[in-house]
Amino acid sequence: MGILDGWRYCPLCGGALEPEEGHLRCTVCGERYWANPLPAVQGLLVRDGHVLLARRGIEPRLGYWDLPGGFVEETEAPELAVRRELHEETGLDLDSAELARIDIEPYGGKHVFSVTYRVTAEGEPVAADDVAELRWFAPDELPAEMAFPGQERVLREWAEHSHSDE
């Protein structure tokens, strides 16, 4: 069951949990728990034939290049989340955010439901929040390994079609 491995007690009432058809169920209050992926967003910001990448300043995958983004808050719409996360990590206010793709990816022993947006913004980005560094990359300069496998697919598709982004 992935993320629920090791769960023995209900976080609501403390009752014992038992497996039941793909999830866990509390034997006392009846609450059910599934190992769902965590919702996350990331932005593909392209300017002058270069894509903006962020070097991770935190685990998991500390030091690897990443698309700027982060987790969706509980009641937040994904498009608002990508706007908030990119502002937190780069200081940029997005002009637009268009859905590009969705992937399920490993993330530090869990999985994320990763929503990628093609975004636009004016101004110069500045590394902030949990970002150690920001850098623009041309299609032929992309890092050999990204923080997460879905990002490699996103960037490979962008590089193959980069002439249409300019």
N, C-alpha and C. Protein backbone atom coordinates (compact mmCIF):
# COMPACT_ATOMS: atom_id res chain seq x y z
N MET A 1 0.82 -1.20 0.00
CA MET A 1 0.00 0.00 0.00
C MET A 1 0.85 1.26 0.00
N GLY A 2 2.16 1.12 -0.09
CA GLY A 2 3.03 2.29 -0.22
C GLY A 2 3.11 3.12 1.03
N ILE A 3 2.63 4.35 0.93
CA ILE A 3 2.77 5.33 2.00
C ILE A 3 2.09 4.88 3.29
N LEU A 4 1.10 4.01 3.20
CA LEU A 4 0.40 3.55 4.40
C LEU A 4 1.07 2.37 5.09
N ASP A 5 2.13 1.84 4.48
CA ASP A 5 2.88 0.77 5.15
C ASP A 5 3.35 1.28 6.50
N GLY A 6 3.13 0.52 7.52
CA GLY A 6 3.55 0.93 8.85
C GLY A 6 2.46 1.63 9.64
N TRP A 7 1.38 2.06 8.99
CA TRP A 7 0.28 2.67 9.73
C TRP A 7 -0.42 1.58 10.52
N ARG A 8 -0.55 1.76 11.81
CA ARG A 8 -1.20 0.77 12.67
C ARG A 8 -2.42 1.33 13.41
N TYR A 9 -2.44 2.67 13.64
CA TYR A 9 -3.48 3.28 14.44
C TYR A 9 -4.11 4.46 13.70
N CYS A 10 -5.36 4.66 13.89
CA CYS A 10 -6.12 5.75 13.27
C CYS A 10 -5.67 7.09 13.84
N PRO A 11 -5.30 8.05 12.99
CA PRO A 11 -4.90 9.36 13.50
C PRO A 11 -6.06 10.16 14.09
N LEU A 12 -7.30 9.76 13.83
CA LEU A 12 -8.45 10.47 14.37
C LEU A 12 -8.83 10.01 15.78
N CYS A 13 -8.89 8.67 15.97
CA CYS A 13 -9.39 8.17 17.26
C CYS A 13 -8.41 7.23 17.97
N GLY A 14 -7.34 6.81 17.30
CA GLY A 14 -6.37 5.93 17.92
C GLY A 14 -6.71 4.46 17.81
N GLY A 15 -7.84 4.14 17.14
CA GLY A 15 -8.24 2.74 16.96
C GLY A 15 -7.29 2.00 16.03
N ALA A 16 -7.34 0.67 16.08
CA ALA A 16 -6.48 -0.16 15.23
C ALA A 16 -6.94 -0.06 13.77
N LEU A 17 -5.96 -0.05 12.85
CA LEU A 17 -6.25 -0.04 11.42
C LEU A 17 -6.07 -1.44 10.87
N GLU A 18 -6.93 -1.81 9.94
CA GLU A 18 -6.76 -3.10 9.28
C GLU A 18 -6.95 -2.93 7.77
N PRO A 19 -6.21 -3.73 6.97
CA PRO A 19 -6.32 -3.64 5.51
C PRO A 19 -7.71 -4.06 5.04
N GLU A 20 -8.19 -3.34 4.01
CA GLU A 20 -9.50 -3.65 3.44
C GLU A 20 -9.52 -3.20 1.98
N GLU A 21 -9.36 -4.13 1.04
CA GLU A 21 -9.47 -3.88 -0.40
C GLU A 21 -8.78 -2.58 -0.86
N GLY A 22 -7.47 -2.50 -0.73
CA GLY A 22 -6.71 -1.36 -1.24
C GLY A 22 -6.63 -0.15 -0.34
N HIS A 23 -7.15 -0.25 0.85
CA HIS A 23 -7.05 0.88 1.79
C HIS A 23 -7.01 0.31 3.21
N LEU A 24 -6.89 1.20 4.18
CA LEU A 24 -6.95 0.80 5.58
C LEU A 24 -8.25 1.34 6.18
N ARG A 25 -8.83 0.59 7.11
CA ARG A 25 -10.05 1.01 7.78
C ARG A 25 -9.85 0.91 9.28
N CYS A 26 -10.32 1.94 9.98
CA CYS A 26 -10.25 1.95 11.44
C CYS A 26 -11.33 1.02 12.00
N THR A 27 -10.91 0.14 12.90
CA THR A 27 -11.84 -0.81 13.51
C THR A 27 -12.75 -0.15 14.55
N VAL A 28 -12.44 1.10 14.95
CA VAL A 28 -13.24 1.78 15.97
C VAL A 28 -14.20 2.79 15.33
N CYS A 29 -13.67 3.78 14.59
CA CYS A 29 -14.53 4.84 14.04
C CYS A 29 -14.93 4.61 12.58
N GLY A 30 -14.29 3.64 11.91
CA GLY A 30 -14.66 3.32 10.54
C GLY A 30 -14.00 4.19 9.47
N GLU A 31 -13.21 5.17 9.88
CA GLU A 31 -12.53 6.04 8.90
C GLU A 31 -11.66 5.19 7.98
N ARG A 32 -11.57 5.60 6.70
CA ARG A 32 -10.77 4.86 5.71
C ARG A 32 -9.62 5.74 5.22
N TYR A 33 -8.49 5.07 4.92
CA TYR A 33 -7.28 5.77 4.46
C TYR A 33 -6.75 5.09 3.22
N TRP A 34 -6.55 5.88 2.16
CA TRP A 34 -5.99 5.40 0.90
C TRP A 34 -4.59 5.99 0.72
N ALA A 35 -3.77 5.30 -0.04
CA ALA A 35 -2.42 5.80 -0.35
C ALA A 35 -2.49 6.60 -1.65
N ASN A 36 -3.11 7.75 -1.59
CA ASN A 36 -3.25 8.61 -2.77
C ASN A 36 -1.99 9.44 -2.99
N PRO A 37 -1.69 9.77 -4.25
CA PRO A 37 -0.57 10.67 -4.49
C PRO A 37 -0.90 12.08 -3.99
N LEU A 38 0.14 12.81 -3.60
CA LEU A 38 -0.02 14.18 -3.13
C LEU A 38 -0.10 15.12 -4.33
N PRO A 39 -1.03 16.08 -4.34
CA PRO A 39 -1.13 17.00 -5.49
C PRO A 39 -0.01 18.03 -5.47
N ALA A 40 0.65 18.19 -6.64
CA ALA A 40 1.73 19.15 -6.78
C ALA A 40 1.63 19.81 -8.15
N VAL A 41 2.25 20.97 -8.27
CA VAL A 41 2.27 21.72 -9.53
C VAL A 41 3.70 22.14 -9.85
N GLN A 42 3.96 22.37 -11.13
CA GLN A 42 5.26 22.91 -11.56
C GLN A 42 5.04 23.73 -12.82
N GLY A 43 5.94 24.70 -13.03
CA GLY A 43 5.80 25.59 -14.17
C GLY A 43 6.95 25.47 -15.15
N LEU A 44 6.62 25.40 -16.42
CA LEU A 44 7.58 25.40 -17.52
C LEU A 44 7.61 26.82 -18.07
N LEU A 45 8.61 27.59 -17.62
CA LEU A 45 8.76 28.99 -18.03
C LEU A 45 9.87 29.07 -19.07
N VAL A 46 9.51 29.50 -20.28
CA VAL A 46 10.45 29.56 -21.40
C VAL A 46 10.56 31.00 -21.88
N ARG A 47 11.81 31.43 -22.08
CA ARG A 47 12.09 32.76 -22.64
C ARG A 47 13.28 32.66 -23.56
N ASP A 48 13.16 33.26 -24.72
CA ASP A 48 14.26 33.32 -25.69
C ASP A 48 14.90 31.95 -25.90
N GLY A 49 14.07 30.91 -26.00
CA GLY A 49 14.58 29.58 -26.27
C GLY A 49 15.23 28.88 -25.09
N HIS A 50 15.07 29.43 -23.89
CA HIS A 50 15.66 28.85 -22.68
C HIS A 50 14.55 28.58 -21.66
N VAL A 51 14.71 27.51 -20.88
CA VAL A 51 13.75 27.16 -19.84
C VAL A 51 14.38 27.46 -18.48
N LEU A 52 13.56 27.95 -17.54
CA LEU A 52 14.03 28.26 -16.20
C LEU A 52 13.96 27.02 -15.32
N LEU A 53 15.10 26.64 -14.74
CA LEU A 53 15.16 25.52 -13.80
C LEU A 53 15.66 26.01 -12.45
N ALA A 54 15.25 25.29 -11.41
CA ALA A 54 15.61 25.63 -10.03
C ALA A 54 16.42 24.49 -9.42
N ARG A 55 17.54 24.84 -8.82
CA ARG A 55 18.31 23.81 -8.09
C ARG A 55 17.69 23.66 -6.71
N ARG A 56 17.35 22.40 -6.36
CA ARG A 56 16.67 22.13 -5.10
C ARG A 56 17.57 22.44 -3.91
N GLY A 57 17.01 23.18 -2.95
CA GLY A 57 17.74 23.51 -1.74
C GLY A 57 17.32 22.65 -0.56
N ILE A 58 16.42 21.69 -0.81
CA ILE A 58 15.93 20.81 0.26
C ILE A 58 15.82 19.38 -0.27
N GLU A 59 15.73 18.43 0.65
CA GLU A 59 15.44 17.04 0.30
C GLU A 59 13.95 16.91 0.01
N PRO A 60 13.50 15.98 -0.76
CA PRO A 60 14.33 14.98 -1.44
C PRO A 60 15.02 15.56 -2.66
N ARG A 61 16.10 14.88 -3.05
CA ARG A 61 16.86 15.21 -4.26
C ARG A 61 17.55 16.58 -4.15
N LEU A 62 18.02 16.90 -2.98
CA LEU A 62 18.78 18.12 -2.72
C LEU A 62 19.88 18.29 -3.76
N GLY A 63 19.96 19.48 -4.35
CA GLY A 63 21.02 19.80 -5.31
C GLY A 63 20.69 19.46 -6.75
N TYR A 64 19.64 18.69 -7.00
CA TYR A 64 19.26 18.38 -8.38
C TYR A 64 18.43 19.51 -8.96
N TRP A 65 18.47 19.61 -10.28
CA TRP A 65 17.66 20.61 -10.98
C TRP A 65 16.22 20.15 -11.04
N ASP A 66 15.32 21.13 -10.97
CA ASP A 66 13.90 20.90 -10.78
C ASP A 66 13.14 21.96 -11.57
N LEU A 67 11.94 21.67 -11.98
CA LEU A 67 11.06 22.73 -12.47
C LEU A 67 10.49 23.45 -11.25
N PRO A 68 10.43 24.77 -11.25
CA PRO A 68 9.88 25.47 -10.09
C PRO A 68 8.44 25.03 -9.83
N GLY A 69 8.10 24.83 -8.57
CA GLY A 69 6.75 24.42 -8.21
C GLY A 69 6.69 23.93 -6.80
N GLY A 70 5.60 23.24 -6.46
CA GLY A 70 5.45 22.73 -5.12
C GLY A 70 4.08 22.11 -4.91
N PHE A 71 3.71 21.94 -3.66
CA PHE A 71 2.47 21.24 -3.32
C PHE A 71 1.27 22.17 -3.32
N VAL A 72 0.13 21.60 -3.70
CA VAL A 72 -1.15 22.31 -3.71
C VAL A 72 -1.68 22.29 -2.28
N GLU A 73 -2.13 23.44 -1.80
CA GLU A 73 -2.73 23.51 -0.47
C GLU A 73 -4.13 22.92 -0.51
N GLU A 74 -4.66 22.57 0.65
CA GLU A 74 -5.88 21.75 0.74
C GLU A 74 -7.06 22.25 -0.08
N THR A 75 -7.37 23.52 -0.09
CA THR A 75 -8.54 24.02 -0.83
C THR A 75 -8.15 24.86 -2.05
N GLU A 76 -6.91 24.78 -2.46
CA GLU A 76 -6.37 25.63 -3.52
C GLU A 76 -6.56 25.00 -4.91
N ALA A 77 -6.96 25.79 -5.88
CA ALA A 77 -7.04 25.33 -7.26
C ALA A 77 -5.62 25.17 -7.81
N PRO A 78 -5.36 24.15 -8.63
CA PRO A 78 -4.00 23.94 -9.15
C PRO A 78 -3.41 25.16 -9.85
N GLU A 79 -4.19 25.89 -10.66
CA GLU A 79 -3.65 27.06 -11.35
C GLU A 79 -3.23 28.14 -10.35
N LEU A 80 -3.99 28.30 -9.28
CA LEU A 80 -3.58 29.26 -8.24
C LEU A 80 -2.34 28.77 -7.51
N ALA A 81 -2.24 27.46 -7.33
CA ALA A 81 -1.06 26.89 -6.66
C ALA A 81 0.20 27.14 -7.47
N VAL A 82 0.15 26.95 -8.79
CA VAL A 82 1.35 27.17 -9.60
C VAL A 82 1.73 28.65 -9.57
N ARG A 83 0.76 29.53 -9.56
CA ARG A 83 1.05 30.97 -9.46
C ARG A 83 1.72 31.29 -8.12
N ARG A 84 1.17 30.74 -7.03
CA ARG A 84 1.73 30.98 -5.70
C ARG A 84 3.13 30.40 -5.58
N GLU A 85 3.29 29.14 -5.99
CA GLU A 85 4.59 28.47 -5.85
C GLU A 85 5.67 29.16 -6.67
N LEU A 86 5.37 29.53 -7.91
CA LEU A 86 6.39 30.20 -8.71
C LEU A 86 6.73 31.57 -8.13
N HIS A 87 5.74 32.25 -7.58
CA HIS A 87 6.05 33.53 -6.93
C HIS A 87 6.95 33.31 -5.71
N GLU A 88 6.64 32.29 -4.90
CA GLU A 88 7.45 32.00 -3.71
C GLU A 88 8.88 31.64 -4.07
N GLU A 89 9.06 30.86 -5.15
CA GLU A 89 10.39 30.36 -5.50
C GLU A 89 11.19 31.28 -6.40
N THR A 90 10.51 32.14 -7.17
CA THR A 90 11.22 32.97 -8.15
C THR A 90 10.94 34.46 -8.01
N GLY A 91 9.92 34.83 -7.22
CA GLY A 91 9.53 36.22 -7.10
C GLY A 91 8.71 36.73 -8.28
N LEU A 92 8.44 35.88 -9.25
CA LEU A 92 7.71 36.30 -10.46
C LEU A 92 6.20 36.15 -10.28
N ASP A 93 5.47 37.12 -10.84
CA ASP A 93 4.02 37.02 -10.94
C ASP A 93 3.70 36.52 -12.34
N LEU A 94 3.00 35.42 -12.44
CA LEU A 94 2.71 34.83 -13.74
C LEU A 94 1.70 35.64 -14.52
N ASP A 95 1.95 35.76 -15.82
CA ASP A 95 0.99 36.38 -16.73
C ASP A 95 -0.03 35.36 -17.18
N SER A 96 0.41 34.11 -17.40
CA SER A 96 -0.50 33.05 -17.83
C SER A 96 -0.01 31.70 -17.34
N ALA A 97 -0.94 30.76 -17.27
CA ALA A 97 -0.64 29.37 -16.89
C ALA A 97 -1.58 28.47 -17.68
N GLU A 98 -1.00 27.65 -18.56
CA GLU A 98 -1.77 26.75 -19.41
C GLU A 98 -1.37 25.31 -19.11
N LEU A 99 -2.36 24.47 -18.87
CA LEU A 99 -2.11 23.07 -18.56
C LEU A 99 -1.31 22.40 -19.68
N ALA A 100 -0.22 21.73 -19.30
CA ALA A 100 0.63 21.04 -20.27
C ALA A 100 0.51 19.52 -20.17
N ARG A 101 0.60 18.98 -18.94
CA ARG A 101 0.53 17.53 -18.75
C ARG A 101 0.39 17.20 -17.27
N ILE A 102 0.08 15.92 -17.01
CA ILE A 102 -0.04 15.41 -15.65
C ILE A 102 0.72 14.10 -15.57
N ASP A 103 1.51 13.93 -14.51
CA ASP A 103 2.28 12.71 -14.28
C ASP A 103 2.13 12.28 -12.83
N ILE A 104 2.29 10.98 -12.59
CA ILE A 104 2.41 10.46 -11.23
C ILE A 104 3.89 10.14 -11.05
N GLU A 105 4.51 10.70 -10.01
CA GLU A 105 5.96 10.57 -9.84
C GLU A 105 6.34 10.18 -8.43
N PRO A 106 7.48 9.49 -8.29
CA PRO A 106 8.01 9.24 -6.94
C PRO A 106 8.53 10.53 -6.33
N TYR A 107 8.37 10.66 -5.02
CA TYR A 107 8.84 11.85 -4.31
C TYR A 107 9.16 11.45 -2.88
N GLY A 108 10.42 11.18 -2.61
CA GLY A 108 10.86 10.90 -1.25
C GLY A 108 10.08 9.80 -0.54
N GLY A 109 9.86 8.67 -1.20
CA GLY A 109 9.14 7.57 -0.59
C GLY A 109 7.63 7.65 -0.73
N LYS A 110 7.14 8.71 -1.33
CA LYS A 110 5.71 8.90 -1.59
C LYS A 110 5.56 9.05 -3.11
N HIS A 111 4.37 9.41 -3.54
CA HIS A 111 4.13 9.74 -4.94
C HIS A 111 3.36 11.04 -5.01
N VAL A 112 3.60 11.80 -6.08
CA VAL A 112 2.87 13.05 -6.30
C VAL A 112 2.10 12.95 -7.60
N PHE A 113 0.96 13.61 -7.62
CA PHE A 113 0.13 13.82 -8.80
C PHE A 113 0.59 15.18 -9.32
N SER A 114 1.53 15.16 -10.25
CA SER A 114 2.25 16.36 -10.67
C SER A 114 1.60 17.00 -11.90
N VAL A 115 1.09 18.21 -11.73
CA VAL A 115 0.43 18.96 -12.80
C VAL A 115 1.41 20.00 -13.33
N THR A 116 1.76 19.89 -14.61
CA THR A 116 2.71 20.82 -15.23
C THR A 116 1.95 21.85 -16.04
N TYR A 117 2.31 23.11 -15.85
CA TYR A 117 1.75 24.23 -16.61
C TYR A 117 2.84 24.88 -17.45
N ARG A 118 2.49 25.30 -18.67
CA ARG A 118 3.32 26.21 -19.45
C ARG A 118 2.96 27.60 -18.94
N VAL A 119 3.95 28.34 -18.45
CA VAL A 119 3.68 29.63 -17.82
C VAL A 119 4.46 30.74 -18.51
N THR A 120 3.97 31.96 -18.36
CA THR A 120 4.69 33.14 -18.82
C THR A 120 4.75 34.15 -17.69
N ALA A 121 5.83 34.93 -17.67
CA ALA A 121 6.00 35.97 -16.65
C ALA A 121 7.05 36.94 -17.14
N GLU A 122 6.92 38.18 -16.74
CA GLU A 122 7.91 39.22 -17.04
C GLU A 122 8.80 39.40 -15.81
N GLY A 123 9.96 40.01 -16.02
CA GLY A 123 10.85 40.30 -14.92
C GLY A 123 11.94 39.26 -14.77
N GLU A 124 12.87 39.57 -13.87
CA GLU A 124 14.00 38.66 -13.62
C GLU A 124 13.72 37.82 -12.39
N PRO A 125 13.83 36.51 -12.51
CA PRO A 125 13.60 35.64 -11.36
C PRO A 125 14.74 35.72 -10.35
N VAL A 126 14.39 35.55 -9.08
CA VAL A 126 15.35 35.54 -7.98
C VAL A 126 15.06 34.32 -7.12
N ALA A 127 16.08 33.50 -6.88
CA ALA A 127 15.91 32.28 -6.08
C ALA A 127 15.46 32.63 -4.66
N ALA A 128 14.40 31.94 -4.20
CA ALA A 128 13.88 32.16 -2.86
C ALA A 128 13.24 30.87 -2.35
N ASP A 129 12.73 30.91 -1.15
CA ASP A 129 12.05 29.78 -0.53
C ASP A 129 13.00 28.60 -0.43
N ASP A 130 12.68 27.46 -1.03
CA ASP A 130 13.54 26.28 -0.92
C ASP A 130 14.39 26.05 -2.16
N VAL A 131 14.65 27.12 -2.92
CA VAL A 131 15.45 27.06 -4.14
C VAL A 131 16.86 27.60 -3.85
N ALA A 132 17.88 26.82 -4.21
CA ALA A 132 19.26 27.25 -3.98
C ALA A 132 19.77 28.13 -5.12
N GLU A 133 19.25 27.92 -6.33
CA GLU A 133 19.75 28.65 -7.50
C GLU A 133 18.74 28.54 -8.62
N LEU A 134 18.65 29.58 -9.45
CA LEU A 134 17.84 29.56 -10.66
C LEU A 134 18.77 29.76 -11.85
N ARG A 135 18.46 29.06 -12.96
CA ARG A 135 19.30 29.22 -14.15
C ARG A 135 18.46 28.91 -15.39
N TRP A 136 18.75 29.65 -16.47
CA TRP A 136 18.11 29.41 -17.77
C TRP A 136 18.93 28.39 -18.54
N PHE A 137 18.26 27.41 -19.16
CA PHE A 137 18.92 26.36 -19.93
C PHE A 137 18.37 26.32 -21.35
N ALA A 138 19.27 26.23 -22.33
CA ALA A 138 18.89 25.98 -23.72
C ALA A 138 18.59 24.49 -23.88
N PRO A 139 17.87 24.09 -24.93
CA PRO A 139 17.55 22.67 -25.12
C PRO A 139 18.77 21.75 -25.11
N ASP A 140 19.90 22.21 -25.63
CA ASP A 140 21.10 21.36 -25.67
C ASP A 140 21.97 21.49 -24.43
N GLU A 141 21.51 22.23 -23.41
CA GLU A 141 22.27 22.41 -22.16
C GLU A 141 21.57 21.79 -20.95
N LEU A 142 20.49 21.08 -21.16
CA LEU A 142 19.71 20.55 -20.04
C LEU A 142 20.53 19.61 -19.18
N PRO A 143 20.27 19.59 -17.87
CA PRO A 143 21.01 18.69 -16.97
C PRO A 143 20.82 17.23 -17.39
N ALA A 144 21.82 16.42 -17.11
CA ALA A 144 21.77 14.99 -17.46
C ALA A 144 20.68 14.28 -16.67
N GLU A 145 20.43 14.71 -15.43
CA GLU A 145 19.40 14.08 -14.60
C GLU A 145 18.65 15.16 -13.83
N MET A 146 17.34 15.11 -13.95
CA MET A 146 16.49 16.05 -13.21
C MET A 146 16.12 15.44 -11.86
N ALA A 147 15.51 16.26 -11.01
CA ALA A 147 15.12 15.80 -9.69
C ALA A 147 14.11 14.65 -9.76
N PHE A 148 13.21 14.70 -10.75
CA PHE A 148 12.14 13.71 -10.83
C PHE A 148 11.94 13.29 -12.28
N PRO A 149 11.63 12.00 -12.52
CA PRO A 149 11.59 11.46 -13.88
C PRO A 149 10.58 12.14 -14.81
N GLY A 150 9.43 12.54 -14.29
CA GLY A 150 8.43 13.21 -15.14
C GLY A 150 8.96 14.51 -15.72
N GLN A 151 9.86 15.18 -15.00
CA GLN A 151 10.44 16.42 -15.49
C GLN A 151 11.32 16.16 -16.71
N GLU A 152 11.98 15.02 -16.71
CA GLU A 152 12.80 14.68 -17.88
C GLU A 152 11.93 14.52 -19.11
N ARG A 153 10.73 13.92 -18.96
CA ARG A 153 9.80 13.80 -20.09
C ARG A 153 9.31 15.17 -20.53
N VAL A 154 8.95 16.03 -19.57
CA VAL A 154 8.48 17.39 -19.88
C VAL A 154 9.55 18.13 -20.67
N LEU A 155 10.79 18.09 -20.20
CA LEU A 155 11.87 18.83 -20.84
C LEU A 155 12.26 18.23 -22.19
N ARG A 156 12.21 16.91 -22.31
CA ARG A 156 12.50 16.27 -23.59
C ARG A 156 11.47 16.72 -24.64
N GLU A 157 10.19 16.73 -24.27
CA GLU A 157 9.14 17.21 -25.18
C GLU A 157 9.37 18.67 -25.54
N TRP A 158 9.70 19.49 -24.54
CA TRP A 158 9.96 20.91 -24.81
C TRP A 158 11.13 21.06 -25.77
N ALA A 159 12.22 20.35 -25.52
CA ALA A 159 13.41 20.47 -26.36
C ALA A 159 13.11 20.04 -27.79
N GLU A 160 12.30 18.99 -27.95
CA GLU A 160 11.96 18.52 -29.30
C GLU A 160 11.09 19.53 -30.06
N HIS A 161 10.35 20.34 -29.32
CA HIS A 161 9.44 21.32 -29.94
C HIS A 161 9.83 22.75 -29.61
N SER A 162 11.06 22.99 -29.25
CA SER A 162 11.46 24.31 -28.74
C SER A 162 11.34 25.40 -29.79
N HIS A 163 11.39 25.08 -31.04
CA HIS A 163 11.25 26.12 -32.07
C HIS A 163 9.89 26.81 -32.00
N SER A 164 8.85 26.13 -31.51
CA SER A 164 7.52 26.73 -31.42
C SER A 164 7.34 27.60 -30.18
N ASP A 165 8.27 27.51 -29.21
CA ASP A 165 8.18 28.31 -27.99
C ASP A 165 8.84 29.68 -28.12
N GLU A 166 9.57 29.90 -29.17
CA GLU A 166 10.33 31.16 -29.29
C GLU A 166 9.49 32.26 -29.88
